[in-house]
Amino acid sequence: MSTYIYDLNADEKKLYNRSKRMFYYYLNQILSPEVKIISKSTLVVPETLESVYDNFFLKWKNKIIVYKIHSNNFERIV
């Protein structure tokens, strides 16, 4: 599994809002049932789909900061 933690950034509010709308629109186009949405800025993706999400985030490299964490187990405690 890979966990993606991302944050959109922009200098102007208008540009930020436009980027945010477009980002989530295209993200919703590629979401599949295997992907777990933890929060607005965190996704857990199985290894089989990792390259799809890597490519997606690379398209947004000028407008987003992304961290990727590899893990073997993901468990909710509380």
Protein backbone atom coordinates (compact mmCIF):
# COMPACT_ATOMS: atom_id res chain seq x y z
CA MET A 1 0.00 0.00 0.00
CA SER A 2 1.01 3.57 -0.58
CA THR A 3 -0.30 6.56 1.30
CA TYR A 4 -0.37 9.89 -0.51
CA ILE A 5 -0.51 13.07 1.55
CA TYR A 6 -0.93 16.19 -0.56
CA ASP A 7 -1.52 19.90 -0.24
CA LEU A 8 -2.57 22.31 -2.97
CA ASN A 9 -0.83 25.65 -3.08
CA ALA A 10 -1.23 28.89 -5.01
CA ASP A 11 -0.31 32.52 -4.58
CA GLU A 12 -3.75 33.99 -5.24
CA LYS A 13 -7.10 32.92 -3.84
CA LYS A 14 -8.77 32.87 -7.26
CA LEU A 15 -6.01 30.69 -8.71
CA TYR A 16 -6.15 28.39 -5.68
CA ASN A 17 -9.92 27.88 -5.99
CA ARG A 18 -9.67 27.14 -9.70
CA SER A 19 -6.84 24.67 -9.18
CA LYS A 20 -8.70 23.00 -6.33
CA ARG A 21 -11.86 22.50 -8.41
CA MET A 22 -9.91 21.09 -11.33
CA PHE A 23 -7.75 18.87 -9.12
CA TYR A 24 -10.69 17.23 -7.34
CA TYR A 25 -12.64 16.89 -10.59
CA TYR A 26 -9.81 14.89 -12.20
CA LEU A 27 -9.09 12.98 -9.01
CA ASN A 28 -12.71 11.81 -8.89
CA GLN A 29 -12.36 10.60 -12.48
CA ILE A 30 -9.63 8.11 -11.54
CA LEU A 31 -10.84 7.02 -8.10
CA SER A 32 -11.61 3.33 -7.78
CA PRO A 33 -13.24 1.29 -4.98
CA GLU A 34 -9.84 -0.05 -3.84
CA VAL A 35 -8.64 3.45 -2.93
CA LYS A 36 -9.38 4.57 0.61
CA ILE A 37 -9.97 8.27 1.15
CA ILE A 38 -8.79 9.04 4.67
CA SER A 39 -9.27 12.81 4.56
CA LYS A 40 -9.45 15.60 1.98
CA SER A 41 -5.70 15.38 1.55
CA THR A 42 -4.86 11.72 2.23
CA LEU A 43 -5.36 8.65 0.04
CA VAL A 44 -4.36 5.02 0.58
CA VAL A 45 -3.73 3.26 -2.72
CA PRO A 46 -2.96 -0.43 -3.38
CA GLU A 47 0.31 -1.26 -5.12
CA THR A 48 -1.48 -2.24 -8.33
CA LEU A 49 -2.73 1.34 -8.81
CA GLU A 50 0.36 3.14 -7.57
CA SER A 51 1.67 4.07 -11.04
CA VAL A 52 -1.71 5.58 -12.00
CA TYR A 53 -1.66 7.88 -8.98
CA ASP A 54 2.03 8.69 -9.38
CA ASN A 55 1.30 9.88 -12.92
CA PHE A 56 -1.75 11.82 -11.77
CA PHE A 57 0.18 13.71 -9.10
CA LEU A 58 3.07 14.38 -11.49
CA LYS A 59 0.65 16.26 -13.77
CA TRP A 60 -0.03 18.63 -10.87
CA LYS A 61 3.60 19.07 -9.79
CA ASN A 62 3.54 22.88 -10.12
CA LYS A 63 0.41 23.31 -8.01
CA ILE A 64 0.75 20.65 -5.34
CA ILE A 65 3.07 19.23 -2.72
CA VAL A 66 2.86 15.43 -2.39
CA TYR A 67 4.39 12.96 0.03
CA LYS A 68 4.20 9.22 -0.55
CA ILE A 69 4.55 6.66 2.23
CA HIS A 70 4.93 2.93 1.59
CA SER A 71 3.40 0.61 4.16
CA ASN A 72 2.54 -3.04 4.65
CA ASN A 73 -0.34 -2.54 7.00
CA PHE A 74 -2.88 0.20 7.59
CA GLU A 75 -5.11 -0.03 10.62
CA ARG A 76 -7.55 2.26 12.36
CA ILE A 77 -7.06 2.32 16.11
CA VAL A 78 -9.84 4.61 17.32
